[in-house]
């Protein structure tokens, strides 16, 4: 787990709300505080759909992004927001196969990005969750490095939080 201060708020919010940078991530939950507090659960309510097609457990950010943007846009800056993203199961399995083959994908609950904005700035905290105790910390380190590489590739400036 690492904490990163995202230093150019306009740039990161553009990537978050206007570009497809985070679209492939699963949206776990979020909260936007403006004139009210809006809480959003990314869990897909399968009973809502008529189809028997297999649905993922959580929505993709691309399906929620525009709605969240409608909550933050306007003349006034939001008081705060926070979003929790998870790397898709497919991408998690690929990452494990390539970088941490000693870990079984089914033992990984998720690889997370926690984005939080408030008056002190915008931070990203990485997280790794396992279904069982795993003494091997290699996946955690790989995930932390991958997030930093992802930010660099997209021109998202950051510094290590203290």
Protein backbone atom coordinates (compact mmCIF):
# COMPACT_ATOMS: atom_id res chain seq x y z
CA UNK A 1 0.00 0.00 0.00
CA UNK A 2 1.24 3.43 -0.92
CA UNK A 3 -0.25 6.90 -0.65
CA UNK A 4 0.29 9.37 -3.46
CA UNK A 5 -0.54 13.07 -3.57
CA UNK A 6 -1.85 13.87 -7.04
CA UNK A 7 -0.40 17.29 -7.60
CA UNK A 8 -2.33 18.68 -10.58
CA UNK A 9 -5.98 18.44 -9.57
CA UNK A 10 -7.38 19.82 -12.86
CA UNK A 11 -5.38 17.26 -14.82
CA UNK A 12 -6.42 14.26 -12.74
CA UNK A 13 -10.08 15.30 -12.63
CA UNK A 14 -9.99 15.66 -16.41
CA UNK A 15 -8.67 12.08 -16.64
CA UNK A 16 -11.24 10.94 -14.12
CA UNK A 17 -14.39 12.58 -15.49
CA UNK A 18 -13.73 13.58 -19.12
CA UNK A 19 -11.37 10.95 -20.51
CA UNK A 20 -11.47 7.17 -20.67
CA UNK A 21 -8.33 6.77 -18.53
CA UNK A 22 -10.07 4.92 -15.68
CA UNK A 23 -12.93 3.39 -17.71
CA UNK A 24 -11.74 -0.22 -17.49
CA UNK A 25 -11.69 -0.18 -13.68
CA UNK A 26 -14.60 -1.57 -11.70
CA UNK A 27 -16.40 1.04 -9.64
CA UNK A 28 -16.87 -0.27 -6.10
CA UNK A 29 -18.32 2.79 -4.40
CA UNK A 30 -18.15 6.53 -4.24
CA UNK A 31 -19.31 9.62 -2.47
CA UNK A 32 -19.63 13.18 -3.75
CA UNK A 33 -20.29 16.05 -1.34
CA UNK A 34 -21.68 19.25 -2.83
CA UNK A 35 -24.94 20.81 -1.58
CA UNK A 36 -25.86 17.28 -0.43
CA UNK A 37 -23.95 14.07 0.06
CA UNK A 38 -24.42 11.60 -2.77
CA UNK A 39 -23.38 8.00 -2.10
CA UNK A 40 -23.13 5.54 -4.96
CA UNK A 41 -22.80 1.80 -4.64
CA UNK A 42 -21.22 0.23 -7.72
CA UNK A 43 -22.72 -3.20 -6.99
CA UNK A 44 -24.89 -4.23 -9.95
CA UNK A 45 -28.48 -5.02 -9.02
CA UNK A 46 -29.01 -8.02 -11.29
CA UNK A 47 -32.77 -8.16 -10.58
CA UNK A 48 -33.12 -4.83 -12.41
CA UNK A 49 -32.17 -6.42 -15.75
CA UNK A 50 -34.43 -8.60 -17.89
CA UNK A 51 -31.56 -10.52 -19.43
CA UNK A 52 -30.15 -13.77 -18.09
CA UNK A 53 -26.77 -12.77 -19.47
CA UNK A 54 -23.88 -12.95 -17.05
CA UNK A 55 -23.35 -9.58 -15.45
CA UNK A 56 -20.25 -8.50 -13.56
CA UNK A 57 -20.48 -7.93 -9.83
CA UNK A 58 -19.62 -4.22 -10.10
CA UNK A 59 -20.16 -1.55 -12.73
CA UNK A 60 -17.34 -0.28 -14.90
CA UNK A 61 -16.33 3.31 -14.24
CA UNK A 62 -17.24 4.13 -17.87
CA UNK A 63 -20.89 3.36 -17.02
CA UNK A 64 -20.91 5.60 -13.91
CA UNK A 65 -18.49 8.35 -14.94
CA UNK A 66 -20.94 10.69 -16.64
CA UNK A 67 -23.37 10.54 -13.71
CA UNK A 68 -20.57 11.29 -11.22
CA UNK A 69 -19.39 14.14 -13.42
CA UNK A 70 -22.90 15.62 -13.35
CA UNK A 71 -22.60 15.75 -9.55
CA UNK A 72 -19.27 17.60 -9.47
CA UNK A 73 -19.55 19.99 -12.41
CA UNK A 74 -20.74 23.50 -11.86
CA UNK A 75 -19.47 26.85 -10.71
CA UNK A 76 -18.53 25.65 -7.24
CA UNK A 77 -15.88 23.10 -6.40
CA UNK A 78 -17.20 20.03 -4.56
CA UNK A 79 -16.56 19.94 -0.82
CA UNK A 80 -15.13 16.46 -1.31
CA UNK A 81 -15.37 13.24 -3.25
CA UNK A 82 -14.01 9.75 -2.93
CA UNK A 83 -14.07 6.84 -5.32
CA UNK A 84 -12.94 3.26 -4.89
CA UNK A 85 -11.87 1.42 -8.03
CA UNK A 86 -10.81 -2.20 -8.47
CA UNK A 87 -8.74 -3.65 -11.27
CA UNK A 88 -10.90 -6.04 -13.30
CA UNK A 89 -10.60 -9.76 -12.55
CA UNK A 90 -9.20 -10.36 -16.05
CA UNK A 91 -6.49 -7.73 -15.66
CA UNK A 92 -5.71 -8.94 -12.15
CA UNK A 93 -5.23 -12.50 -13.43
CA UNK A 94 -2.97 -11.23 -16.23
CA UNK A 95 -0.89 -9.20 -13.79
CA UNK A 96 -0.52 -12.17 -11.44
CA UNK A 97 0.49 -14.52 -14.26
CA UNK A 98 3.12 -12.07 -15.48
CA UNK A 99 4.49 -10.65 -12.22
CA UNK A 100 3.51 -12.86 -9.25
CA UNK A 101 2.99 -16.42 -10.51
CA UNK A 102 3.33 -17.91 -7.02
CA UNK A 103 -0.06 -16.35 -6.12
CA UNK A 104 -3.31 -17.94 -7.25
CA UNK A 105 -5.76 -15.43 -8.84
CA UNK A 106 -8.69 -16.96 -6.93
CA UNK A 107 -6.97 -15.97 -3.66
CA UNK A 108 -7.04 -12.29 -4.60
CA UNK A 109 -10.13 -10.33 -3.61
CA UNK A 110 -8.97 -7.26 -5.49
CA UNK A 111 -6.39 -4.64 -6.35
CA UNK A 112 -7.77 -1.23 -5.41
CA UNK A 113 -7.35 2.47 -6.05
CA UNK A 114 -8.85 4.78 -3.46
CA UNK A 115 -9.12 8.36 -4.73
CA UNK A 116 -10.04 11.06 -2.21
CA UNK A 117 -10.42 14.78 -2.78
CA UNK A 118 -11.01 17.39 -0.07
CA UNK A 119 -9.70 20.84 0.84
CA UNK A 120 -6.23 19.41 1.49
CA UNK A 121 -5.89 18.02 -2.05
CA UNK A 122 -6.34 14.81 -3.99
CA UNK A 123 -4.75 11.58 -2.84
CA UNK A 124 -4.61 8.04 -4.15
CA UNK A 125 -4.07 5.11 -1.83
CA UNK A 126 -3.46 1.69 -3.32
CA UNK A 127 -4.77 -1.45 -1.70
CA UNK A 128 -4.53 -5.19 -2.07
CA UNK A 129 -7.06 -7.57 -0.57
CA UNK A 130 -6.75 -11.34 -0.35
CA UNK A 131 -9.42 -13.95 0.42
CA UNK A 132 -6.95 -15.79 2.62
CA UNK A 133 -3.68 -15.00 4.38
CA UNK A 134 -0.85 -14.69 1.87
CA UNK A 135 2.64 -14.20 3.32
CA UNK A 136 4.01 -13.31 -0.13
CA UNK A 137 3.87 -9.51 -0.53
CA UNK A 138 5.15 -9.47 -4.12
CA UNK A 139 1.74 -8.71 -5.64
CA UNK A 140 1.29 -5.70 -3.35
CA UNK A 141 4.63 -4.27 -4.48
CA UNK A 142 3.89 -5.00 -8.15
CA UNK A 143 0.49 -3.30 -7.85
CA UNK A 144 2.03 -0.22 -6.21
CA UNK A 145 4.61 0.02 -9.01
CA UNK A 146 1.98 -0.56 -11.69
CA UNK A 147 -0.20 2.28 -10.39
CA UNK A 148 2.75 4.68 -10.49
CA UNK A 149 3.60 3.56 -14.01
CA UNK A 150 -0.06 3.98 -15.04
CA UNK A 151 -0.07 7.56 -13.73
CA UNK A 152 3.21 8.39 -15.48
CA UNK A 153 1.95 6.96 -18.79
CA UNK A 154 -1.10 9.23 -18.59
CA UNK A 155 0.80 12.32 -17.49
CA UNK A 156 -0.74 12.32 -14.03
CA UNK A 157 1.79 13.96 -11.74
CA UNK A 158 2.18 12.66 -8.19
CA UNK A 159 4.49 12.63 -5.21
CA UNK A 160 4.78 10.19 -2.36
CA UNK A 161 2.56 11.23 0.56
CA UNK A 162 4.29 11.57 3.87
